[in-house]
Amino acid sequence: MTLHFFSSIVLWLALLHGASATADGFSTTYWERACRTCYEIDPIDRAFIGRRPSWERMGPWGAAEVAGAALLAQEMRRHPRTRKWFWVPQIVLSTVHVEATIHNYVRRYPR
């Protein structure tokens, strides 16, 4: 697979998605180090990265998510029925990661 396989807009959206996923990873590790009794509460994420996430688990799963969303967007862009909506999966996932990043940096320590 080469970069010529992807359209430029799909690559830009993948870059945005990758940056937001990386920010989410940094904020998750920040929170996990700051609070010893805290753990991952999202059941979907917990199934893939564990109760106490580490970069060894978050990195590959995050890269797979970004690559999978880019492949999905490229395939959606090729078909007439989904051409108008190809950008939705990447934007939604990026928004979820940005929200998680903000949540991780804003939340307070448990008492």
PDB file of N, CA and C in Angstrom:
ATOM      1  N   MET A   1       0.851  -1.167   0.000  1.00  0.00           N
ATOM      2  CA  MET A   1       0.000   0.000   0.000  1.00  0.00           C
ATOM      3  C   MET A   1       0.899   1.233   0.000  1.00  0.00           C
ATOM      4  N   THR A   2       0.614   2.157  -0.874  1.00  0.00           N
ATOM      5  CA  THR A   2       1.396   3.379  -0.940  1.00  0.00           C
ATOM      6  C   THR A   2       0.520   4.554  -0.550  1.00  0.00           C
ATOM      7  N   LEU A   3       1.153   5.687  -0.380  1.00  0.00           N
ATOM      8  CA  LEU A   3       0.397   6.895  -0.055  1.00  0.00           C
ATOM      9  C   LEU A   3      -0.478   7.342  -1.215  1.00  0.00           C
ATOM     10  N   HIS A   4      -0.149   6.895  -2.426  1.00  0.00           N
ATOM     11  CA  HIS A   4      -0.968   7.253  -3.584  1.00  0.00           C
ATOM     12  C   HIS A   4      -2.321   6.565  -3.555  1.00  0.00           C
ATOM     13  N   PHE A   5      -2.451   5.544  -2.719  1.00  0.00           N
ATOM     14  CA  PHE A   5      -3.725   4.852  -2.567  1.00  0.00           C
ATOM     15  C   PHE A   5      -4.760   5.774  -1.929  1.00  0.00           C
ATOM     16  N   PHE A   6      -4.302   6.614  -0.984  1.00  0.00           N
ATOM     17  CA  PHE A   6      -5.206   7.506  -0.253  1.00  0.00           C
ATOM     18  C   PHE A   6      -5.307   8.860  -0.942  1.00  0.00           C
ATOM     19  N   SER A   7      -6.500   9.441  -0.887  1.00  0.00           N
ATOM     20  CA  SER A   7      -6.642  10.804  -1.375  1.00  0.00           C
ATOM     21  C   SER A   7      -6.057  11.756  -0.345  1.00  0.00           C
ATOM     22  N   SER A   8      -5.760  12.970  -0.763  1.00  0.00           N
ATOM     23  CA  SER A   8      -5.104  13.917   0.148  1.00  0.00           C
ATOM     24  C   SER A   8      -5.996  14.290   1.329  1.00  0.00           C
ATOM     25  N   ILE A   9      -7.298  14.411   1.127  1.00  0.00           N
ATOM     26  CA  ILE A   9      -8.194  14.775   2.231  1.00  0.00           C
ATOM     27  C   ILE A   9      -8.260  13.645   3.262  1.00  0.00           C
ATOM     28  N   VAL A  10      -8.221  12.401   2.814  1.00  0.00           N
ATOM     29  CA  VAL A  10      -8.226  11.270   3.745  1.00  0.00           C
ATOM     30  C   VAL A  10      -6.927  11.256   4.546  1.00  0.00           C
ATOM     31  N   LEU A  11      -5.801  11.592   3.910  1.00  0.00           N
ATOM     32  CA  LEU A  11      -4.533  11.662   4.634  1.00  0.00           C
ATOM     33  C   LEU A  11      -4.541  12.778   5.674  1.00  0.00           C
ATOM     34  N   TRP A  12      -5.094  13.937   5.318  1.00  0.00           N
ATOM     35  CA  TRP A  12      -5.177  15.039   6.292  1.00  0.00           C
ATOM     36  C   TRP A  12      -6.074  14.666   7.470  1.00  0.00           C
ATOM     37  N   LEU A  13      -7.181  14.003   7.184  1.00  0.00           N
ATOM     38  CA  LEU A  13      -8.059  13.559   8.271  1.00  0.00           C
ATOM     39  C   LEU A  13      -7.388  12.484   9.125  1.00  0.00           C
ATOM     40  N   ALA A  14      -6.585  11.621   8.505  1.00  0.00           N
ATOM     41  CA  ALA A  14      -5.839  10.615   9.266  1.00  0.00           C
ATOM     42  C   ALA A  14      -4.793  11.282  10.159  1.00  0.00           C
ATOM     43  N   LEU A  15      -4.168  12.338   9.667  1.00  0.00           N
ATOM     44  CA  LEU A  15      -3.215  13.092  10.480  1.00  0.00           C
ATOM     45  C   LEU A  15      -3.914  13.722  11.687  1.00  0.00           C
ATOM     46  N   LEU A  16      -5.067  14.310  11.464  1.00  0.00           N
ATOM     47  CA  LEU A  16      -5.854  14.893  12.556  1.00  0.00           C
ATOM     48  C   LEU A  16      -6.260  13.808  13.554  1.00  0.00           C
ATOM     49  N   HIS A  17      -6.725  12.699  13.057  1.00  0.00           N
ATOM     50  CA  HIS A  17      -7.152  11.584  13.914  1.00  0.00           C
ATOM     51  C   HIS A  17      -5.969  11.049  14.714  1.00  0.00           C
ATOM     52  N   GLY A  18      -4.824  10.880  14.075  1.00  0.00           N
ATOM     53  CA  GLY A  18      -3.635  10.391  14.766  1.00  0.00           C
ATOM     54  C   GLY A  18      -3.155  11.353  15.839  1.00  0.00           C
ATOM     55  N   ALA A  19      -3.216  12.649  15.560  1.00  0.00           N
ATOM     56  CA  ALA A  19      -2.801  13.651  16.555  1.00  0.00           C
ATOM     57  C   ALA A  19      -3.736  13.652  17.755  1.00  0.00           C
ATOM     58  N   SER A  20      -5.030  13.551  17.504  1.00  0.00           N
ATOM     59  CA  SER A  20      -5.977  13.547  18.624  1.00  0.00           C
ATOM     60  C   SER A  20      -5.870  12.257  19.428  1.00  0.00           C
ATOM     61  N   ALA A  21      -5.598  11.127  18.771  1.00  0.00           N
ATOM     62  CA  ALA A  21      -5.416   9.860  19.486  1.00  0.00           C
ATOM     63  C   ALA A  21      -4.135   9.900  20.325  1.00  0.00           C
ATOM     64  N   THR A  22      -3.082  10.515  19.802  1.00  0.00           N
ATOM     65  CA  THR A  22      -1.836  10.649  20.560  1.00  0.00           C
ATOM     66  C   THR A  22      -2.030  11.544  21.773  1.00  0.00           C
ATOM     67  N   ALA A  23      -2.747  12.645  21.601  1.00  0.00           N
ATOM     68  CA  ALA A  23      -3.043  13.522  22.737  1.00  0.00           C
ATOM     69  C   ALA A  23      -3.855  12.788  23.796  1.00  0.00           C
ATOM     70  N   ASP A  24      -4.795  11.979  23.367  1.00  0.00           N
ATOM     71  CA  ASP A  24      -5.575  11.169  24.300  1.00  0.00           C
ATOM     72  C   ASP A  24      -4.675  10.186  25.037  1.00  0.00           C
ATOM     73  N   GLY A  25      -3.733   9.589  24.349  1.00  0.00           N
ATOM     74  CA  GLY A  25      -2.795   8.672  24.982  1.00  0.00           C
ATOM     75  C   GLY A  25      -1.931   9.364  26.025  1.00  0.00           C
ATOM     76  N   PHE A  26      -1.416  10.555  25.701  1.00  0.00           N
ATOM     77  CA  PHE A  26      -0.623  11.300  26.666  1.00  0.00           C
ATOM     78  C   PHE A  26      -1.451  11.694  27.889  1.00  0.00           C
ATOM     79  N   SER A  27      -2.683  12.134  27.667  1.00  0.00           N
ATOM     80  CA  SER A  27      -3.515  12.537  28.805  1.00  0.00           C
ATOM     81  C   SER A  27      -3.907  11.335  29.654  1.00  0.00           C
ATOM     82  N   THR A  28      -4.091  10.180  29.022  1.00  0.00           N
ATOM     83  CA  THR A  28      -4.415   8.970  29.778  1.00  0.00           C
ATOM     84  C   THR A  28      -3.237   8.555  30.658  1.00  0.00           C
ATOM     85  N   THR A  29      -2.027   8.562  30.097  1.00  0.00           N
ATOM     86  CA  THR A  29      -0.866   8.198  30.909  1.00  0.00           C
ATOM     87  C   THR A  29      -0.618   9.236  31.997  1.00  0.00           C
ATOM     88  N   TYR A  30      -0.874  10.514  31.714  1.00  0.00           N
ATOM     89  CA  TYR A  30      -0.744  11.552  32.737  1.00  0.00           C
ATOM     90  C   TYR A  30      -1.684  11.259  33.908  1.00  0.00           C
ATOM     91  N   TRP A  31      -2.920  10.949  33.588  1.00  0.00           N
ATOM     92  CA  TRP A  31      -3.902  10.691  34.639  1.00  0.00           C
ATOM     93  C   TRP A  31      -3.588   9.401  35.386  1.00  0.00           C
ATOM     94  N   GLU A  32      -3.173   8.373  34.687  1.00  0.00           N
ATOM     95  CA  GLU A  32      -2.858   7.107  35.336  1.00  0.00           C
ATOM     96  C   GLU A  32      -1.679   7.250  36.297  1.00  0.00           C
ATOM     97  N   ARG A  33      -0.709   8.083  35.953  1.00  0.00           N
ATOM     98  CA  ARG A  33       0.424   8.306  36.857  1.00  0.00           C
ATOM     99  C   ARG A  33       0.049   9.186  38.034  1.00  0.00           C
ATOM    100  N   ALA A  34      -0.858  10.114  37.820  1.00  0.00           N
ATOM    101  CA  ALA A  34      -1.237  11.054  38.877  1.00  0.00           C
ATOM    102  C   ALA A  34      -2.156  10.418  39.906  1.00  0.00           C
ATOM    103  N   CYS A  35      -2.894   9.407  39.530  1.00  0.00           N
ATOM    104  CA  CYS A  35      -3.878   8.795  40.421  1.00  0.00           C
ATOM    105  C   CYS A  35      -3.654   7.284  40.447  1.00  0.00           C
ATOM    106  N   ARG A  36      -3.119   6.787  41.531  1.00  0.00           N
ATOM    107  CA  ARG A  36      -2.796   5.360  41.641  1.00  0.00           C
ATOM    108  C   ARG A  36      -4.030   4.467  41.721  1.00  0.00           C
ATOM    109  N   THR A  37      -5.148   4.997  42.227  1.00  0.00           N
ATOM    110  CA  THR A  37      -6.349   4.173  42.393  1.00  0.00           C
ATOM    111  C   THR A  37      -7.295   4.263  41.205  1.00  0.00           C
ATOM    112  N   CYS A  38      -6.970   5.074  40.219  1.00  0.00           N
ATOM    113  CA  CYS A  38      -7.845   5.253  39.051  1.00  0.00           C
ATOM    114  C   CYS A  38      -7.527   4.207  37.988  1.00  0.00           C
ATOM    115  N   TYR A  39      -8.514   3.944  37.141  1.00  0.00           N
ATOM    116  CA  TYR A  39      -8.357   2.956  36.087  1.00  0.00           C
ATOM    117  C   TYR A  39      -9.237   3.341  34.912  1.00  0.00           C
ATOM    118  N   GLU A  40      -9.032   2.684  33.790  1.00  0.00           N
ATOM    119  CA  GLU A  40      -9.808   2.937  32.571  1.00  0.00           C
ATOM    120  C   GLU A  40     -11.254   2.515  32.808  1.00  0.00           C
ATOM    121  N   ILE A  41     -12.198   3.440  32.576  1.00  0.00           N
ATOM    122  CA  ILE A  41     -13.593   3.136  32.867  1.00  0.00           C
ATOM    123  C   ILE A  41     -14.397   2.753  31.629  1.00  0.00           C
ATOM    124  N   ASP A  42     -13.892   3.093  30.443  1.00  0.00           N
ATOM    125  CA  ASP A  42     -14.617   2.765  29.216  1.00  0.00           C
ATOM    126  C   ASP A  42     -14.495   1.266  28.941  1.00  0.00           C
ATOM    127  N   PRO A  43     -15.616   0.531  28.927  1.00  0.00           N
ATOM    128  CA  PRO A  43     -15.527  -0.926  28.758  1.00  0.00           C
ATOM    129  C   PRO A  43     -14.975  -1.354  27.402  1.00  0.00           C
ATOM    130  N   ILE A  44     -15.195  -0.576  26.365  1.00  0.00           N
ATOM    131  CA  ILE A  44     -14.665  -0.935  25.044  1.00  0.00           C
ATOM    132  C   ILE A  44     -13.153  -0.772  25.032  1.00  0.00           C
ATOM    133  N   ASP A  45     -12.665   0.362  25.523  1.00  0.00           N
ATOM    134  CA  ASP A  45     -11.222   0.569  25.598  1.00  0.00           C
ATOM    135  C   ASP A  45     -10.566  -0.433  26.526  1.00  0.00           C
ATOM    136  N   ARG A  46     -11.210  -0.713  27.630  1.00  0.00           N
ATOM    137  CA  ARG A  46     -10.639  -1.639  28.607  1.00  0.00           C
ATOM    138  C   ARG A  46     -10.439  -3.028  27.996  1.00  0.00           C
ATOM    139  N   ALA A  47     -11.325  -3.439  27.096  1.00  0.00           N
ATOM    140  CA  ALA A  47     -11.189  -4.749  26.456  1.00  0.00           C
ATOM    141  C   ALA A  47      -9.908  -4.830  25.621  1.00  0.00           C
ATOM    142  N   PHE A  48      -9.459  -3.716  25.066  1.00  0.00           N
ATOM    143  CA  PHE A  48      -8.289  -3.720  24.193  1.00  0.00           C
ATOM    144  C   PHE A  48      -7.002  -3.300  24.900  1.00  0.00           C
ATOM    145  N   ILE A  49      -7.074  -2.296  25.778  1.00  0.00           N
ATOM    146  CA  ILE A  49      -5.842  -1.767  26.365  1.00  0.00           C
ATOM    147  C   ILE A  49      -5.684  -2.087  27.842  1.00  0.00           C
ATOM    148  N   GLY A  50      -6.651  -2.751  28.434  1.00  0.00           N
ATOM    149  CA  GLY A  50      -6.524  -3.163  29.819  1.00  0.00           C
ATOM    150  C   GLY A  50      -7.016  -2.128  30.814  1.00  0.00           C
ATOM    151  N   ARG A  51      -7.036  -2.540  32.066  1.00  0.00           N
ATOM    152  CA  ARG A  51      -7.540  -1.672  33.125  1.00  0.00           C
ATOM    153  C   ARG A  51      -6.587  -0.509  33.394  1.00  0.00           C
ATOM    154  N   ARG A  52      -5.278  -0.785  33.349  1.00  0.00           N
ATOM    155  CA  ARG A  52      -4.244   0.239  33.519  1.00  0.00           C
ATOM    156  C   ARG A  52      -3.487   0.349  32.191  1.00  0.00           C
ATOM    157  N   PRO A  53      -3.896   1.261  31.300  1.00  0.00           N
ATOM    158  CA  PRO A  53      -3.307   1.340  29.962  1.00  0.00           C
ATOM    159  C   PRO A  53      -1.814   1.684  29.992  1.00  0.00           C
ATOM    160  N   SER A  54      -1.083   1.140  29.039  1.00  0.00           N
ATOM    161  CA  SER A  54       0.326   1.469  28.850  1.00  0.00           C
ATOM    162  C   SER A  54       0.551   1.736  27.370  1.00  0.00           C
ATOM    163  N   TRP A  55       1.683   2.371  27.047  1.00  0.00           N
ATOM    164  CA  TRP A  55       1.976   2.676  25.649  1.00  0.00           C
ATOM    165  C   TRP A  55       2.144   1.410  24.821  1.00  0.00           C
ATOM    166  N   GLU A  56       2.594   0.326  25.462  1.00  0.00           N
ATOM    167  CA  GLU A  56       2.770  -0.930  24.727  1.00  0.00           C
ATOM    168  C   GLU A  56       1.443  -1.466  24.204  1.00  0.00           C
ATOM    169  N   ARG A  57       0.347  -1.153  24.876  1.00  0.00           N
ATOM    170  CA  ARG A  57      -0.972  -1.589  24.412  1.00  0.00           C
ATOM    171  C   ARG A  57      -1.693  -0.478  23.652  1.00  0.00           C
ATOM    172  N   MET A  58      -1.559   0.769  24.107  1.00  0.00           N
ATOM    173  CA  MET A  58      -2.275   1.866  23.445  1.00  0.00           C
ATOM    174  C   MET A  58      -1.733   2.157  22.052  1.00  0.00           C
ATOM    175  N   GLY A  59      -0.421   2.092  21.873  1.00  0.00           N
ATOM    176  CA  GLY A  59       0.195   2.434  20.586  1.00  0.00           C
ATOM    177  C   GLY A  59      -0.299   1.595  19.420  1.00  0.00           C
ATOM    178  N   PRO A  60      -0.171   0.272  19.501  1.00  0.00           N
ATOM    179  CA  PRO A  60      -0.634  -0.552  18.371  1.00  0.00           C
ATOM    180  C   PRO A  60      -2.134  -0.455  18.123  1.00  0.00           C
ATOM    181  N   TRP A  61      -2.928  -0.417  19.195  1.00  0.00           N
ATOM    182  CA  TRP A  61      -4.375  -0.326  18.995  1.00  0.00           C
ATOM    183  C   TRP A  61      -4.761   1.041  18.431  1.00  0.00           C
ATOM    184  N   GLY A  62      -4.087   2.095  18.855  1.00  0.00           N
ATOM    185  CA  GLY A  62      -4.360   3.425  18.308  1.00  0.00           C
ATOM    186  C   GLY A  62      -3.983   3.526  16.841  1.00  0.00           C
ATOM    187  N   ALA A  63      -2.819   2.967  16.489  1.00  0.00           N
ATOM    188  CA  ALA A  63      -2.395   2.970  15.084  1.00  0.00           C
ATOM    189  C   ALA A  63      -3.359   2.162  14.223  1.00  0.00           C
ATOM    190  N   ALA A  64      -3.819   1.033  14.741  1.00  0.00           N
ATOM    191  CA  ALA A  64      -4.790   0.218  13.992  1.00  0.00           C
ATOM    192  C   ALA A  64      -6.108   0.970  13.812  1.00  0.00           C
ATOM    193  N   GLU A  65      -6.516   1.719  14.844  1.00  0.00           N
ATOM    194  CA  GLU A  65      -7.754   2.500  14.732  1.00  0.00           C
ATOM    195  C   GLU A  65      -7.630   3.580  13.659  1.00  0.00           C
ATOM    196  N   VAL A  66      -6.518   4.308  13.665  1.00  0.00           N
ATOM    197  CA  VAL A  66      -6.315   5.380  12.689  1.00  0.00           C
ATOM    198  C   VAL A  66      -6.232   4.808  11.272  1.00  0.00           C
ATOM    199  N   ALA A  67      -5.462   3.728  11.099  1.00  0.00           N
ATOM    200  CA  ALA A  67      -5.329   3.122   9.768  1.00  0.00           C
ATOM    201  C   ALA A  67      -6.661   2.546   9.290  1.00  0.00           C
ATOM    202  N   GLY A  68      -7.389   1.899  10.191  1.00  0.00           N
ATOM    203  CA  GLY A  68      -8.688   1.339   9.818  1.00  0.00           C
ATOM    204  C   GLY A  68      -9.691   2.404   9.426  1.00  0.00           C
ATOM    205  N   ALA A  69      -9.698   3.511  10.166  1.00  0.00           N
ATOM    206  CA  ALA A  69     -10.613   4.606   9.827  1.00  0.00           C
ATOM    207  C   ALA A  69     -10.240   5.241   8.494  1.00  0.00           C
ATOM    208  N   ALA A  70      -8.933   5.344   8.203  1.00  0.00           N
ATOM    209  CA  ALA A  70      -8.492   5.894   6.918  1.00  0.00           C
ATOM    210  C   ALA A  70      -8.887   4.971   5.763  1.00  0.00           C
ATOM    211  N   LEU A  71      -8.717   3.670   5.951  1.00  0.00           N
ATOM    212  CA  LEU A  71      -9.136   2.720   4.909  1.00  0.00           C
ATOM    213  C   LEU A  71     -10.642   2.779   4.682  1.00  0.00           C
ATOM    214  N   LEU A  72     -11.402   2.861   5.778  1.00  0.00           N
ATOM    215  CA  LEU A  72     -12.856   2.967   5.661  1.00  0.00           C
ATOM    216  C   LEU A  72     -13.242   4.244   4.914  1.00  0.00           C
ATOM    217  N   ALA A  73     -12.602   5.353   5.256  1.00  0.00           N
ATOM    218  CA  ALA A  73     -12.907   6.626   4.597  1.00  0.00           C
ATOM    219  C   ALA A  73     -12.574   6.563   3.105  1.00  0.00           C
ATOM    220  N   GLN A  74     -11.442   5.955   2.776  1.00  0.00           N
ATOM    221  CA  GLN A  74     -11.069   5.856   1.363  1.00  0.00           C
ATOM    222  C   GLN A  74     -12.067   5.003   0.588  1.00  0.00           C
ATOM    223  N   GLU A  75     -12.499   3.898   1.184  1.00  0.00           N
ATOM    224  CA  GLU A  75     -13.488   3.058   0.513  1.00  0.00           C
ATOM    225  C   GLU A  75     -14.839   3.765   0.400  1.00  0.00           C
ATOM    226  N   MET A  76     -15.234   4.488   1.439  1.00  0.00           N
ATOM    227  CA  MET A  76     -16.500   5.236   1.385  1.00  0.00           C
ATOM    228  C   MET A  76     -16.439   6.313   0.307  1.00  0.00           C
ATOM    229  N   ARG A  77     -15.277   6.911   0.128  1.00  0.00           N
ATOM    230  CA  ARG A  77     -15.114   7.975  -0.864  1.00  0.00           C
ATOM    231  C   ARG A  77     -15.262   7.438  -2.295  1.00  0.00           C
ATOM    232  N   ARG A  78     -14.969   6.186  -2.510  1.00  0.00           N
ATOM    233  CA  ARG A  78     -15.039   5.603  -3.859  1.00  0.00           C
ATOM    234  C   ARG A  78     -16.455   5.260  -4.299  1.00  0.00           C
ATOM    235  N   HIS A  79     -17.347   5.038  -3.368  1.00  0.00           N
ATOM    236  CA  HIS A  79     -18.686   4.588  -3.721  1.00  0.00           C
ATOM    237  C   HIS A  79     -19.658   5.766  -3.769  1.00  0.00           C
ATOM    238  N   PRO A  80     -20.528   5.792  -4.772  1.00  0.00           N
ATOM    239  CA  PRO A  80     -21.437   6.926  -4.945  1.00  0.00           C
ATOM    240  C   PRO A  80     -22.392   7.144  -3.765  1.00  0.00           C
ATOM    241  N   ARG A  81     -22.859   6.076  -3.156  1.00  0.00           N
ATOM    242  CA  ARG A  81     -23.825   6.237  -2.059  1.00  0.00           C
ATOM    243  C   ARG A  81     -23.208   6.836  -0.801  1.00  0.00           C
ATOM    244  N   THR A  82     -21.944   6.564  -0.565  1.00  0.00           N
ATOM    245  CA  THR A  82     -21.309   7.031   0.667  1.00  0.00           C
ATOM    246  C   THR A  82     -20.294   8.147   0.438  1.00  0.00           C
ATOM    247  N   ARG A  83     -20.171   8.608  -0.792  1.00  0.00           N
ATOM    248  CA  ARG A  83     -19.167   9.623  -1.119  1.00  0.00           C
ATOM    249  C   ARG A  83     -19.330  10.898  -0.297  1.00  0.00           C
ATOM    250  N   LYS A  84     -20.552  11.307  -0.042  1.00  0.00           N
ATOM    251  CA  LYS A  84     -20.797  12.547   0.710  1.00  0.00           C
ATOM    252  C   LYS A  84     -20.409  12.416   2.184  1.00  0.00           C
ATOM    253  N   TRP A  85     -20.361  11.190   2.703  1.00  0.00           N
ATOM    254  CA  TRP A  85     -20.183  10.974   4.143  1.00  0.00           C
ATOM    255  C   TRP A  85     -18.857  10.316   4.499  1.00  0.00           C
ATOM    256  N   PHE A  86     -17.897  10.295   3.581  1.00  0.00           N
ATOM    257  CA  PHE A  86     -16.642   9.585   3.842  1.00  0.00           C
ATOM    258  C   PHE A  86     -15.871  10.148   5.029  1.00  0.00           C
ATOM    259  N   TRP A  87     -16.025  11.412   5.308  1.00  0.00           N
ATOM    260  CA  TRP A  87     -15.260  12.073   6.367  1.00  0.00           C
ATOM    261  C   TRP A  87     -15.820  11.822   7.764  1.00  0.00           C
ATOM    262  N   VAL A  88     -17.029  11.324   7.890  1.00  0.00           N
ATOM    263  CA  VAL A  88     -17.698  11.188   9.191  1.00  0.00           C
ATOM    264  C   VAL A  88     -16.953  10.271  10.171  1.00  0.00           C
ATOM    265  N   PRO A  89     -16.521   9.060   9.782  1.00  0.00           N
ATOM    266  CA  PRO A  89     -15.860   8.202  10.782  1.00  0.00           C
ATOM    267  C   PRO A  89     -14.613   8.842  11.400  1.00  0.00           C
ATOM    268  N   GLN A  90     -13.766   9.457  10.577  1.00  0.00           N
ATOM    269  CA  GLN A  90     -12.543  10.051  11.095  1.00  0.00           C
ATOM    270  C   GLN A  90     -12.828  11.274  11.977  1.00  0.00           C
ATOM    271  N   ILE A  91     -13.785  12.084  11.591  1.00  0.00           N
ATOM    272  CA  ILE A  91     -14.112  13.267  12.393  1.00  0.00           C
ATOM    273  C   ILE A  91     -14.743  12.851  13.722  1.00  0.00           C
ATOM    274  N   VAL A  92     -15.623  11.868  13.699  1.00  0.00           N
ATOM    275  CA  VAL A  92     -16.262  11.407  14.944  1.00  0.00           C
ATOM    276  C   VAL A  92     -15.221  10.821  15.894  1.00  0.00           C
ATOM    277  N   LEU A  93     -14.335   9.978  15.388  1.00  0.00           N
ATOM    278  CA  LEU A  93     -13.306   9.385  16.243  1.00  0.00           C
ATOM    279  C   LEU A  93     -12.342  10.447  16.763  1.00  0.00           C
ATOM    280  N   SER A  94     -11.989  11.428  15.930  1.00  0.00           N
ATOM    281  CA  SER A  94     -11.126  12.521  16.388  1.00  0.00           C
ATOM    282  C   SER A  94     -11.804  13.316  17.492  1.00  0.00           C
ATOM    283  N   THR A  95     -13.084  13.580  17.342  1.00  0.00           N
ATOM    284  CA  THR A  95     -13.838  14.318  18.358  1.00  0.00           C
ATOM    285  C   THR A  95     -13.895  13.540  19.666  1.00  0.00           C
ATOM    286  N   VAL A  96     -14.074  12.234  19.586  1.00  0.00           N
ATOM    287  CA  VAL A  96     -14.092  11.405  20.791  1.00  0.00           C
ATOM    288  C   VAL A  96     -12.745  11.487  21.514  1.00  0.00           C
ATOM    289  N   HIS A  97     -11.653  11.436  20.769  1.00  0.00           N
ATOM    290  CA  HIS A  97     -10.328  11.520  21.384  1.00  0.00           C
ATOM    291  C   HIS A  97     -10.066  12.903  21.992  1.00  0.00           C
ATOM    292  N   VAL A  98     -10.498  13.955  21.323  1.00  0.00           N
ATOM    293  CA  VAL A  98     -10.322  15.303  21.882  1.00  0.00           C
ATOM    294  C   VAL A  98     -11.134  15.450  23.165  1.00  0.00           C
ATOM    295  N   GLU A  99     -12.356  14.936  23.161  1.00  0.00           N
ATOM    296  CA  GLU A  99     -13.182  14.999  24.368  1.00  0.00           C
ATOM    297  C   GLU A  99     -12.533  14.218  25.505  1.00  0.00           C
ATOM    298  N   ALA A 100     -11.979  13.056  25.207  1.00  0.00           N
ATOM    299  CA  ALA A 100     -11.309  12.257  26.239  1.00  0.00           C
ATOM    300  C   ALA A 100     -10.065  12.962  26.765  1.00  0.00           C
ATOM    301  N   THR A 101      -9.333  13.636  25.887  1.00  0.00           N
ATOM    302  CA  THR A 101      -8.158  14.394  26.310  1.00  0.00           C
ATOM    303  C   THR A 101      -8.548  15.500  27.276  1.00  0.00           C
ATOM    304  N   ILE A 102      -9.574  16.252  26.920  1.00  0.00           N
ATOM    305  CA  ILE A 102     -10.039  17.328  27.792  1.00  0.00           C
ATOM    306  C   ILE A 102     -10.522  16.763  29.111  1.00  0.00           C
ATOM    307  N   HIS A 103     -11.271  15.678  29.059  1.00  0.00           N
ATOM    308  CA  HIS A 103     -11.782  15.050  30.277  1.00  0.00           C
ATOM    309  C   HIS A 103     -10.638  14.601  31.192  1.00  0.00           C
ATOM    310  N   ASN A 104      -9.595  14.021  30.617  1.00  0.00           N
ATOM    311  CA  ASN A 104      -8.478  13.539  31.425  1.00  0.00           C
ATOM    312  C   ASN A 104      -7.710  14.670  32.093  1.00  0.00           C
ATOM    313  N   TYR A 105      -7.567  15.810  31.433  1.00  0.00           N
ATOM    314  CA  TYR A 105      -6.815  16.910  32.022  1.00  0.00           C
ATOM    315  C   TYR A 105      -7.643  17.765  32.969  1.00  0.00           C
ATOM    316  N   VAL A 106      -8.962  17.748  32.818  1.00  0.00           N
ATOM    317  CA  VAL A 106      -9.816  18.619  33.627  1.00  0.00           C
ATOM    318  C   VAL A 106     -10.312  17.937  34.897  1.00  0.00           C
ATOM    319  N   ARG A 107     -10.484  16.629  34.887  1.00  0.00           N
ATOM    320  CA  ARG A 107     -11.100  15.957  36.039  1.00  0.00           C
ATOM    321  C   ARG A 107     -10.232  16.075  37.287  1.00  0.00           C
ATOM    322  N   ARG A 108     -10.880  15.999  38.412  1.00  0.00           N
ATOM    323  CA  ARG A 108     -10.240  16.172  39.710  1.00  0.00           C
ATOM    324  C   ARG A 108      -9.823  14.816  40.292  1.00  0.00           C
ATOM    325  N   TYR A 109      -8.892  14.867  41.232  1.00  0.00           N
ATOM    326  CA  TYR A 109      -8.491  13.657  41.933  1.00  0.00           C
ATOM    327  C   TYR A 109      -9.613  13.172  42.835  1.00  0.00           C
ATOM    328  N   PRO A 110      -9.755  11.859  42.982  1.00  0.00           N
ATOM    329  CA  PRO A 110     -10.791  11.347  43.901  1.00  0.00           C
ATOM    330  C   PRO A 110     -10.424  11.651  45.342  1.00  0.00           C
ATOM    331  N   ARG A 111     -11.413  11.841  46.159  1.00  0.00           N
ATOM    332  CA  ARG A 111     -11.167  12.150  47.576  1.00  0.00           C
ATOM    333  C   ARG A 111     -11.349  10.935  48.412  1.00  0.00           C
TER     334      ARG A 111
END
